[in-house]
Amino acid sequence: MKKFVGLLSMLLSVISISANPIDFDKAFQESDNIVKQIKLTSFPGRTYLITDFGAKPNTPDAPCHEAINQAIT
């Protein structure tokens, strides 16, 4: 087991030495470009009750997926 751990440590050391260094400035610049492309979400200032769309309260055995979908649309 000790030989395996030692071999694994040597392998990881060789891999980390031979790996290309990370250009953090470039990475942060790319991430800034990605953030600029993200559109902000907005929600209307209204509240809807799913019971208005057919959901029944206190019925855990009968999910109200359709009422939720209707309220969303």
PDB file of N, CA and C in Angstrom:
ATOM      1  N   MET A   1       0.821  -1.195   0.000  1.00  0.00           N
ATOM      2  CA  MET A   1       0.000   0.000   0.000  1.00  0.00           C
ATOM      3  C   MET A   1       0.866   1.261   0.000  1.00  0.00           C
ATOM      4  N   LYS A   2       1.975   1.212   0.777  1.00  0.00           N
ATOM      5  CA  LYS A   2       2.862   2.367   0.839  1.00  0.00           C
ATOM      6  C   LYS A   2       3.498   2.622  -0.525  1.00  0.00           C
ATOM      7  N   LYS A   3       3.820   1.542  -1.246  1.00  0.00           N
ATOM      8  CA  LYS A   3       4.405   1.709  -2.579  1.00  0.00           C
ATOM      9  C   LYS A   3       3.407   2.366  -3.527  1.00  0.00           C
ATOM     10  N   PHE A   4       2.145   1.967  -3.402  1.00  0.00           N
ATOM     11  CA  PHE A   4       1.097   2.537  -4.261  1.00  0.00           C
ATOM     12  C   PHE A   4       0.931   4.029  -3.990  1.00  0.00           C
ATOM     13  N   VAL A   5       0.899   4.401  -2.730  1.00  0.00           N
ATOM     14  CA  VAL A   5       0.752   5.809  -2.362  1.00  0.00           C
ATOM     15  C   VAL A   5       1.966   6.601  -2.829  1.00  0.00           C
ATOM     16  N   GLY A   6       3.149   6.028  -2.673  1.00  0.00           N
ATOM     17  CA  GLY A   6       4.360   6.700  -3.126  1.00  0.00           C
ATOM     18  C   GLY A   6       4.376   6.878  -4.634  1.00  0.00           C
ATOM     19  N   LEU A   7       3.992   5.836  -5.358  1.00  0.00           N
ATOM     20  CA  LEU A   7       3.929   5.902  -6.821  1.00  0.00           C
ATOM     21  C   LEU A   7       2.896   6.927  -7.267  1.00  0.00           C
ATOM     22  N   LEU A   8       1.746   6.932  -6.608  1.00  0.00           N
ATOM     23  CA  LEU A   8       0.703   7.894  -6.934  1.00  0.00           C
ATOM     24  C   LEU A   8       1.177   9.324  -6.665  1.00  0.00           C
ATOM     25  N   SER A   9       1.876   9.537  -5.571  1.00  0.00           N
ATOM     26  CA  SER A   9       2.408  10.867  -5.255  1.00  0.00           C
ATOM     27  C   SER A   9       3.405  11.321  -6.304  1.00  0.00           C
ATOM     28  N   MET A  10       4.287  10.412  -6.727  1.00  0.00           N
ATOM     29  CA  MET A  10       5.268  10.756  -7.759  1.00  0.00           C
ATOM     30  C   MET A  10       4.572  11.088  -9.071  1.00  0.00           C
ATOM     31  N   LEU A  11       3.565  10.310  -9.422  1.00  0.00           N
ATOM     32  CA  LEU A  11       2.825  10.537 -10.661  1.00  0.00           C
ATOM     33  C   LEU A  11       2.133  11.896 -10.634  1.00  0.00           C
ATOM     34  N   LEU A  12       1.499  12.216  -9.548  1.00  0.00           N
ATOM     35  CA  LEU A  12       0.826  13.512  -9.422  1.00  0.00           C
ATOM     36  C   LEU A  12       1.830  14.659  -9.454  1.00  0.00           C
ATOM     37  N   SER A  13       2.998  14.468  -8.870  1.00  0.00           N
ATOM     38  CA  SER A  13       4.033  15.498  -8.904  1.00  0.00           C
ATOM     39  C   SER A  13       4.496  15.755 -10.327  1.00  0.00           C
ATOM     40  N   VAL A  14       4.731  14.687 -11.089  1.00  0.00           N
ATOM     41  CA  VAL A  14       5.182  14.826 -12.476  1.00  0.00           C
ATOM     42  C   VAL A  14       4.111  15.512 -13.306  1.00  0.00           C
ATOM     43  N   ILE A  15       2.868  15.135 -13.097  1.00  0.00           N
ATOM     44  CA  ILE A  15       1.771  15.752 -13.850  1.00  0.00           C
ATOM     45  C   ILE A  15       1.662  17.234 -13.524  1.00  0.00           C
ATOM     46  N   SER A  16       1.763  17.590 -12.260  1.00  0.00           N
ATOM     47  CA  SER A  16       1.618  19.005 -11.882  1.00  0.00           C
ATOM     48  C   SER A  16       2.793  19.835 -12.395  1.00  0.00           C
ATOM     49  N   ILE A  17       3.983  19.262 -12.474  1.00  0.00           N
ATOM     50  CA  ILE A  17       5.138  19.994 -12.981  1.00  0.00           C
ATOM     51  C   ILE A  17       5.016  20.212 -14.483  1.00  0.00           C
ATOM     52  N   SER A  18       4.500  19.202 -15.194  1.00  0.00           N
ATOM     53  CA  SER A  18       4.419  19.299 -16.647  1.00  0.00           C
ATOM     54  C   SER A  18       3.169  20.031 -17.130  1.00  0.00           C
ATOM     55  N   ALA A  19       2.267  20.332 -16.247  1.00  0.00           N
ATOM     56  CA  ALA A  19       1.027  21.016 -16.635  1.00  0.00           C
ATOM     57  C   ALA A  19       1.324  22.458 -17.016  1.00  0.00           C
ATOM     58  N   ASN A  20       0.540  22.969 -17.931  1.00  0.00           N
ATOM     59  CA  ASN A  20       0.698  24.359 -18.349  1.00  0.00           C
ATOM     60  C   ASN A  20       0.236  25.287 -17.239  1.00  0.00           C
ATOM     61  N   PRO A  21       0.954  26.374 -17.023  1.00  0.00           N
ATOM     62  CA  PRO A  21       0.516  27.320 -15.999  1.00  0.00           C
ATOM     63  C   PRO A  21      -0.781  28.008 -16.433  1.00  0.00           C
ATOM     64  N   ILE A  22      -1.564  28.373 -15.464  1.00  0.00           N
ATOM     65  CA  ILE A  22      -2.851  29.007 -15.734  1.00  0.00           C
ATOM     66  C   ILE A  22      -2.661  30.515 -15.845  1.00  0.00           C
ATOM     67  N   ASP A  23      -3.165  31.087 -16.913  1.00  0.00           N
ATOM     68  CA  ASP A  23      -3.124  32.541 -17.090  1.00  0.00           C
ATOM     69  C   ASP A  23      -4.389  33.107 -16.445  1.00  0.00           C
ATOM     70  N   PHE A  24      -4.269  33.516 -15.185  1.00  0.00           N
ATOM     71  CA  PHE A  24      -5.431  33.966 -14.436  1.00  0.00           C
ATOM     72  C   PHE A  24      -6.029  35.245 -15.001  1.00  0.00           C
ATOM     73  N   ASP A  25      -5.196  36.129 -15.529  1.00  0.00           N
ATOM     74  CA  ASP A  25      -5.725  37.361 -16.119  1.00  0.00           C
ATOM     75  C   ASP A  25      -6.639  37.038 -17.296  1.00  0.00           C
ATOM     76  N   LYS A  26      -6.216  36.109 -18.124  1.00  0.00           N
ATOM     77  CA  LYS A  26      -7.032  35.703 -19.276  1.00  0.00           C
ATOM     78  C   LYS A  26      -8.314  35.017 -18.810  1.00  0.00           C
ATOM     79  N   ALA A  27      -8.197  34.173 -17.792  1.00  0.00           N
ATOM     80  CA  ALA A  27      -9.369  33.461 -17.280  1.00  0.00           C
ATOM     81  C   ALA A  27     -10.405  34.436 -16.725  1.00  0.00           C
ATOM     82  N   PHE A  28      -9.948  35.439 -15.961  1.00  0.00           N
ATOM     83  CA  PHE A  28     -10.884  36.418 -15.400  1.00  0.00           C
ATOM     84  C   PHE A  28     -11.489  37.295 -16.490  1.00  0.00           C
ATOM     85  N   GLN A  29     -10.718  37.602 -17.524  1.00  0.00           N
ATOM     86  CA  GLN A  29     -11.251  38.384 -18.637  1.00  0.00           C
ATOM     87  C   GLN A  29     -12.331  37.603 -19.370  1.00  0.00           C
ATOM     88  N   GLU A  30     -12.095  36.308 -19.577  1.00  0.00           N
ATOM     89  CA  GLU A  30     -13.108  35.475 -20.227  1.00  0.00           C
ATOM     90  C   GLU A  30     -14.362  35.364 -19.365  1.00  0.00           C
ATOM     91  N   SER A  31     -14.172  35.258 -18.051  1.00  0.00           N
ATOM     92  CA  SER A  31     -15.343  35.158 -17.173  1.00  0.00           C
ATOM     93  C   SER A  31     -16.134  36.468 -17.178  1.00  0.00           C
ATOM     94  N   ASP A  32     -15.449  37.596 -17.265  1.00  0.00           N
ATOM     95  CA  ASP A  32     -16.150  38.883 -17.360  1.00  0.00           C
ATOM     96  C   ASP A  32     -16.976  38.957 -18.641  1.00  0.00           C
ATOM     97  N   ASN A  33     -16.433  38.436 -19.742  1.00  0.00           N
ATOM     98  CA  ASN A  33     -17.178  38.419 -21.002  1.00  0.00           C
ATOM     99  C   ASN A  33     -18.420  37.539 -20.897  1.00  0.00           C
ATOM    100  N   ILE A  34     -18.299  36.426 -20.202  1.00  0.00           N
ATOM    101  CA  ILE A  34     -19.451  35.536 -20.015  1.00  0.00           C
ATOM    102  C   ILE A  34     -20.520  36.226 -19.168  1.00  0.00           C
ATOM    103  N   VAL A  35     -20.103  36.887 -18.098  1.00  0.00           N
ATOM    104  CA  VAL A  35     -21.048  37.575 -17.209  1.00  0.00           C
ATOM    105  C   VAL A  35     -21.796  38.665 -17.976  1.00  0.00           C
ATOM    106  N   LYS A  36     -21.125  39.364 -18.893  1.00  0.00           N
ATOM    107  CA  LYS A  36     -21.772  40.419 -19.664  1.00  0.00           C
ATOM    108  C   LYS A  36     -22.855  39.869 -20.587  1.00  0.00           C
ATOM    109  N   GLN A  37     -22.751  38.591 -20.977  1.00  0.00           N
ATOM    110  CA  GLN A  37     -23.726  37.988 -21.878  1.00  0.00           C
ATOM    111  C   GLN A  37     -24.968  37.477 -21.153  1.00  0.00           C
ATOM    112  N   ILE A  38     -24.912  37.382 -19.841  1.00  0.00           N
ATOM    113  CA  ILE A  38     -26.034  36.853 -19.066  1.00  0.00           C
ATOM    114  C   ILE A  38     -27.110  37.919 -18.944  1.00  0.00           C
ATOM    115  N   LYS A  39     -28.331  37.547 -19.320  1.00  0.00           N
ATOM    116  CA  LYS A  39     -29.450  38.486 -19.218  1.00  0.00           C
ATOM    117  C   LYS A  39     -30.055  38.383 -17.821  1.00  0.00           C
ATOM    118  N   LEU A  40     -30.337  39.528 -17.240  1.00  0.00           N
ATOM    119  CA  LEU A  40     -30.967  39.544 -15.924  1.00  0.00           C
ATOM    120  C   LEU A  40     -32.425  39.125 -16.047  1.00  0.00           C
ATOM    121  N   THR A  41     -32.870  38.334 -15.113  1.00  0.00           N
ATOM    122  CA  THR A  41     -34.268  37.934 -15.121  1.00  0.00           C
ATOM    123  C   THR A  41     -35.109  38.985 -14.406  1.00  0.00           C
ATOM    124  N   SER A  42     -36.360  39.024 -14.792  1.00  0.00           N
ATOM    125  CA  SER A  42     -37.277  39.924 -14.104  1.00  0.00           C
ATOM    126  C   SER A  42     -38.600  39.195 -13.920  1.00  0.00           C
ATOM    127  N   PHE A  43     -39.230  39.490 -12.850  1.00  0.00           N
ATOM    128  CA  PHE A  43     -40.507  38.860 -12.531  1.00  0.00           C
ATOM    129  C   PHE A  43     -41.561  39.942 -12.371  1.00  0.00           C
ATOM    130  N   PRO A  44     -42.760  39.675 -12.881  1.00  0.00           N
ATOM    131  CA  PRO A  44     -43.811  40.679 -12.713  1.00  0.00           C
ATOM    132  C   PRO A  44     -44.177  40.819 -11.235  1.00  0.00           C
ATOM    133  N   GLY A  45     -44.670  41.982 -10.886  1.00  0.00           N
ATOM    134  CA  GLY A  45     -45.020  42.258  -9.500  1.00  0.00           C
ATOM    135  C   GLY A  45     -46.411  41.771  -9.135  1.00  0.00           C
ATOM    136  N   ARG A  46     -46.759  40.603  -9.612  1.00  0.00           N
ATOM    137  CA  ARG A  46     -48.091  40.047  -9.319  1.00  0.00           C
ATOM    138  C   ARG A  46     -47.950  38.733  -8.563  1.00  0.00           C
ATOM    139  N   THR A  47     -48.975  38.382  -7.827  1.00  0.00           N
ATOM    140  CA  THR A  47     -49.020  37.122  -7.107  1.00  0.00           C
ATOM    141  C   THR A  47     -50.267  36.360  -7.541  1.00  0.00           C
ATOM    142  N   TYR A  48     -50.079  35.090  -7.833  1.00  0.00           N
ATOM    143  CA  TYR A  48     -51.203  34.248  -8.249  1.00  0.00           C
ATOM    144  C   TYR A  48     -51.362  33.106  -7.250  1.00  0.00           C
ATOM    145  N   LEU A  49     -52.596  32.785  -6.953  1.00  0.00           N
ATOM    146  CA  LEU A  49     -52.900  31.652  -6.080  1.00  0.00           C
ATOM    147  C   LEU A  49     -53.204  30.447  -6.961  1.00  0.00           C
ATOM    148  N   ILE A  50     -52.523  29.337  -6.716  1.00  0.00           N
ATOM    149  CA  ILE A  50     -52.762  28.166  -7.561  1.00  0.00           C
ATOM    150  C   ILE A  50     -54.134  27.555  -7.279  1.00  0.00           C
ATOM    151  N   THR A  51     -54.716  27.904  -6.153  1.00  0.00           N
ATOM    152  CA  THR A  51     -56.074  27.428  -5.903  1.00  0.00           C
ATOM    153  C   THR A  51     -57.069  28.069  -6.870  1.00  0.00           C
ATOM    154  N   ASP A  52     -56.725  29.248  -7.412  1.00  0.00           N
ATOM    155  CA  ASP A  52     -57.570  29.878  -8.429  1.00  0.00           C
ATOM    156  C   ASP A  52     -57.518  29.108  -9.750  1.00  0.00           C
ATOM    157  N   PHE A  53     -56.537  28.225  -9.891  1.00  0.00           N
ATOM    158  CA  PHE A  53     -56.365  27.477 -11.130  1.00  0.00           C
ATOM    159  C   PHE A  53     -56.691  25.993 -10.955  1.00  0.00           C
ATOM    160  N   GLY A  54     -57.364  25.651  -9.865  1.00  0.00           N
ATOM    161  CA  GLY A  54     -57.846  24.285  -9.689  1.00  0.00           C
ATOM    162  C   GLY A  54     -57.108  23.449  -8.667  1.00  0.00           C
ATOM    163  N   ALA A  55     -56.089  23.968  -8.020  1.00  0.00           N
ATOM    164  CA  ALA A  55     -55.381  23.198  -7.000  1.00  0.00           C
ATOM    165  C   ALA A  55     -56.255  23.064  -5.765  1.00  0.00           C
ATOM    166  N   LYS A  56     -56.202  21.909  -5.154  1.00  0.00           N
ATOM    167  CA  LYS A  56     -56.982  21.655  -3.948  1.00  0.00           C
ATOM    168  C   LYS A  56     -56.037  21.670  -2.748  1.00  0.00           C
ATOM    169  N   PRO A  57     -56.360  22.445  -1.705  1.00  0.00           N
ATOM    170  CA  PRO A  57     -55.487  22.478  -0.527  1.00  0.00           C
ATOM    171  C   PRO A  57     -55.588  21.188   0.282  1.00  0.00           C
ATOM    172  N   ASN A  58     -54.512  20.884   0.988  1.00  0.00           N
ATOM    173  CA  ASN A  58     -54.461  19.727   1.897  1.00  0.00           C
ATOM    174  C   ASN A  58     -54.745  18.402   1.206  1.00  0.00           C
ATOM    175  N   THR A  59     -54.214  18.225   0.016  1.00  0.00           N
ATOM    176  CA  THR A  59     -54.335  16.938  -0.687  1.00  0.00           C
ATOM    177  C   THR A  59     -52.946  16.485  -1.134  1.00  0.00           C
ATOM    178  N   PRO A  60     -52.143  15.965  -0.192  1.00  0.00           N
ATOM    179  CA  PRO A  60     -50.775  15.581  -0.537  1.00  0.00           C
ATOM    180  C   PRO A  60     -50.696  14.408  -1.516  1.00  0.00           C
ATOM    181  N   ASP A  61     -51.757  13.607  -1.600  1.00  0.00           N
ATOM    182  CA  ASP A  61     -51.740  12.465  -2.513  1.00  0.00           C
ATOM    183  C   ASP A  61     -52.125  12.851  -3.935  1.00  0.00           C
ATOM    184  N   ALA A  62     -52.648  14.047  -4.128  1.00  0.00           N
ATOM    185  CA  ALA A  62     -53.038  14.511  -5.462  1.00  0.00           C
ATOM    186  C   ALA A  62     -52.210  15.749  -5.813  1.00  0.00           C
ATOM    187  N   PRO A  63     -51.097  15.557  -6.508  1.00  0.00           N
ATOM    188  CA  PRO A  63     -50.264  16.721  -6.849  1.00  0.00           C
ATOM    189  C   PRO A  63     -51.012  17.682  -7.768  1.00  0.00           C
ATOM    190  N   CYS A  64     -50.681  18.931  -7.674  1.00  0.00           N
ATOM    191  CA  CYS A  64     -51.391  19.955  -8.434  1.00  0.00           C
ATOM    192  C   CYS A  64     -50.511  20.543  -9.535  1.00  0.00           C
ATOM    193  N   HIS A  65     -49.813  19.663 -10.259  1.00  0.00           N
ATOM    194  CA  HIS A  65     -48.899  20.104 -11.321  1.00  0.00           C
ATOM    195  C   HIS A  65     -49.625  20.927 -12.390  1.00  0.00           C
ATOM    196  N   GLU A  66     -50.794  20.480 -12.783  1.00  0.00           N
ATOM    197  CA  GLU A  66     -51.521  21.173 -13.850  1.00  0.00           C
ATOM    198  C   GLU A  66     -51.942  22.577 -13.403  1.00  0.00           C
ATOM    199  N   ALA A  67     -52.368  22.714 -12.169  1.00  0.00           N
ATOM    200  CA  ALA A  67     -52.730  24.033 -11.671  1.00  0.00           C
ATOM    201  C   ALA A  67     -51.521  24.946 -11.613  1.00  0.00           C
ATOM    202  N   ILE A  68     -50.384  24.422 -11.240  1.00  0.00           N
ATOM    203  CA  ILE A  68     -49.169  25.218 -11.206  1.00  0.00           C
ATOM    204  C   ILE A  68     -48.794  25.654 -12.613  1.00  0.00           C
ATOM    205  N   ASN A  69     -48.853  24.732 -13.556  1.00  0.00           N
ATOM    206  CA  ASN A  69     -48.545  25.063 -14.955  1.00  0.00           C
ATOM    207  C   ASN A  69     -49.479  26.128 -15.502  1.00  0.00           C
ATOM    208  N   GLN A  70     -50.758  26.018 -15.180  1.00  0.00           N
ATOM    209  CA  GLN A  70     -51.712  27.026 -15.653  1.00  0.00           C
ATOM    210  C   GLN A  70     -51.429  28.393 -15.024  1.00  0.00           C
ATOM    211  N   ALA A  71     -51.050  28.411 -13.753  1.00  0.00           N
ATOM    212  CA  ALA A  71     -50.731  29.675 -13.090  1.00  0.00           C
ATOM    213  C   ALA A  71     -49.489  30.313 -13.720  1.00  0.00           C
ATOM    214  N   ILE A  72     -48.527  29.496 -14.110  1.00  0.00           N
ATOM    215  CA  ILE A  72     -47.310  30.015 -14.727  1.00  0.00           C
ATOM    216  C   ILE A  72     -47.617  30.615 -16.092  1.00  0.00           C
ATOM    217  N   THR A  73     -48.413  29.901 -16.890  1.00  0.00           N
ATOM    218  CA  THR A  73     -48.728  30.423 -18.230  1.00  0.00           C
ATOM    219  C   THR A  73     -49.707  31.559 -18.148  1.00  0.00           C
TER     220      THR A  73
END
